[in-house]
Structures are given as structure tokens and as C-alpha cells.
Amino acid sequence: MLHPSPRSPGLLHSPLRNLVLGIGFTLTVIVLATLAYTLAGWSLGDAFYMVIITVYTVGYGETRPIDSGLLRAITLATIVFGGTSMIFVTGALVQFFTLNQLAQIFGLKRMSTQIEKLDRHVIVCGFGRIGTALAKDLHAAGAPFVILEVNETDAQHARDLGYPYLCADATDEDTLRAAGIDRARTLVTVLANDAANVFITLSARSLNSHIEIIARGELPSTERKLLQAGAHRVIMPTHIGAERIAEMILFRETAKFILDSERVQNFERVLRSLGLDLEVVIAAENSPVAGQTVSWVEDQARGAFFVVQINHRDGEAINQPAPETVVAPGDGLVIVGRGARAHALSGLFAPVPERRGRWFGSSPG
């Protein structure tokens, strides 16, 4: 896994510290010198004006005659300490801006070098809520990836987390090329803008005809457009969220087991790495599966999925149901299947007149 190297505290934090100390010292000299002149009998306005033109080495002339040893001593001290503080502050400013600019230049160059070394990696377009969660899982799994994010604040967040990133517009083909679209194995576009996701999908497909594309859609009408644009799978976060809520309401214990069990979640990650989904579907009233046996359901699936658990509405759960077990209307079936093919059979679980049921978390392919 390639990550940008962390910035050295000793190199980049010391200029800021020096700048703060220099400004603090300069203000202290100004306050003490002004106070000294006022104690010597000058008005506050004259004293402050004299100190400022002395510290900044403007030298317009003396506000009042320096005609006593005390005033000469105050003036000499102001010249020495004020001039020294301004030199220190000027040097700290130059150091601060120069090092930060160099760090940015070398940081971008180092990041580009790291991205050029990536191969068979994942390109994540968008670093919002979904993109952040996805990058976290990819990072935990040790999978190579790069983030594309046009928002500077979100891109900064990716950098702080140590993720390879480009602060650029993913809808630009040059950005996709810079991210290694020709070497990537998967592109995931999870922007909140459906039009942008469709455009990125089209661009990615034209640049790499073999890349796997997973796209996010918000509106139901966008799903078909993304598939036509070249996406292999479409994720509808709104639908998935609603389906998860339905699981928690209808099958509390099973939903709790699936969502909260770390062991099952790890197992689900393994399944998804193999192209499989572990989900819950509901046998609707008047659906083809209602009243049929598990064996019949799996025969209709023709290997697309198999049933691992049945949850009755009364709370009873049957693990590894026997082939002759009957599926009752309203039962929840925990199934493992291949998402693309299983979706084509989702009508098995929908009422016959409508047949508009859909898989939890699966997408057409």
C-alpha cells in the first residue's frame, strides 16, 4: 500500500513556531518602548509613533528632541531590539512560506510518483461519506487505491488519513489518466451528483474497456443510465438503507445478527471479494416462492443463489433449512448468491401482479 510520507515536525513546524515567537517578541519590544517613552514624559501618541518608525526603520525623524541620556538609552534599546526582532520576523516569514511551497511541490511530485507505481488498483471518485467508508475498508484490506476529490477540504482529509489522492475533477479525462485508469482494475464513482457519475462512467469506459465500474445512483431513473453508460453494478444507497430498516423491523434478531456480528461481517467481506452477497429477502404475499419448498426455490435459481436460513414472522429462525422446508408468505430468507444473476430472479419474491421486488444490496449487471 502506498501512502504519502508524513511531514516532518522538525522541518515544517519550526518555521511557524519561529514566526509566532518573533511576532510576540516584536510586540513586547513595541509595548515596553512605548511605555518607557511615556514614563519619560512623552504623550502616548508621540511615544507609539516614535517606536513604530524606529522598529520598522523608516526614519522620518525624531518626534521630539532626544536631549537626555534616558531618552538616548530608550531610543538605542528600541533600535537594537526592534531592528533585531524585525529581522527575525522577516526571516521566519521567508522560511515559513518557502518551506511550505517546497513541501507542497515535493509532496505533489511524490504523490504522482506513487500513483504511477500503482497497478491493478481501485480508483475511488469522491471522498464523501461513502467514499471515506470505502477507502477505510480498502486500506484495512491492503488493497491499492487512489482517491479523486475536487473539494480541497475533503482532499486534505484524505491526505491527513495517509491515502493516495489527487485533488482534481474526476469528470476530467486527464484526471482519470493521471490516476492510472489504463492500469486500474476497478473504478468506483460515489459522487452525490448522478449526472457526474454517469459522465465519469462514460469517460472511464471509453478510456479502459476492460475496467470494472461500480457506480452510485440516487434516482431510480439513473440506474438504467449508468448501466447503459458501462457500469457493471449500480449501488442505490437510499434503497439499501430502506431495505436495511425493513430488515430490522421485520426480523429483529436476524438483522441484529447480520449487522452486528463481527464474524458475519468479516465473512460477508470474504463473500463479496468472491462476487457473492449475503442478504435477506422477503417472500411477499402471492409471490411465486410463497408456499414452495426451499428445494423448489433453489431449483428456480439455477445456481444463482442458495438459502442458508429462513426467518418466520413469529421470530423462529431455521438454520440450514432442509430442502423440503416450506417458505411461508412473509418469511425472510437469508441467501448467498451472485448479485448480477440473482437480481434477474428477484421476481420470485415479489407479488405476481407487480413483480417489482428487488434484492437487498444487489444490482443489475
Foldseek 3Di string as FASTA:
>chain_A
DDFQDDDDCVQQVVLVVLLVVLVVQLVVLLVVLLVQVVVVPDDSVLSNVQLVCLLVVVPPDHPDDQDDPSSVVSSVVSNVSSVVSVVSNVVSVCSNVVVVVVCVVVRVVVLLVVLVPDAQAEEEEDQDPVNVVVVVVCVVVVGAYEYEAQDPVSVVVCNVVRHRYDNDQLLDLVVCVSNVLQRYQEYEYEDPDLVSQLSSLLSSCVVHVRHAYEYEDADPVSQVSSVVSPHQFYWHVVVLVVVLVVCCVQAVVVSCCCPPPPVNVVVQVVLVVVQKHWFKAFQAPQAQQAFPFQLVVVVVLVQQKHFQWKADSVNDIDGRDDRRDGHHHGIITTMMGRQQSVQVVQLNRDHPVPSPGGTNGGGHD
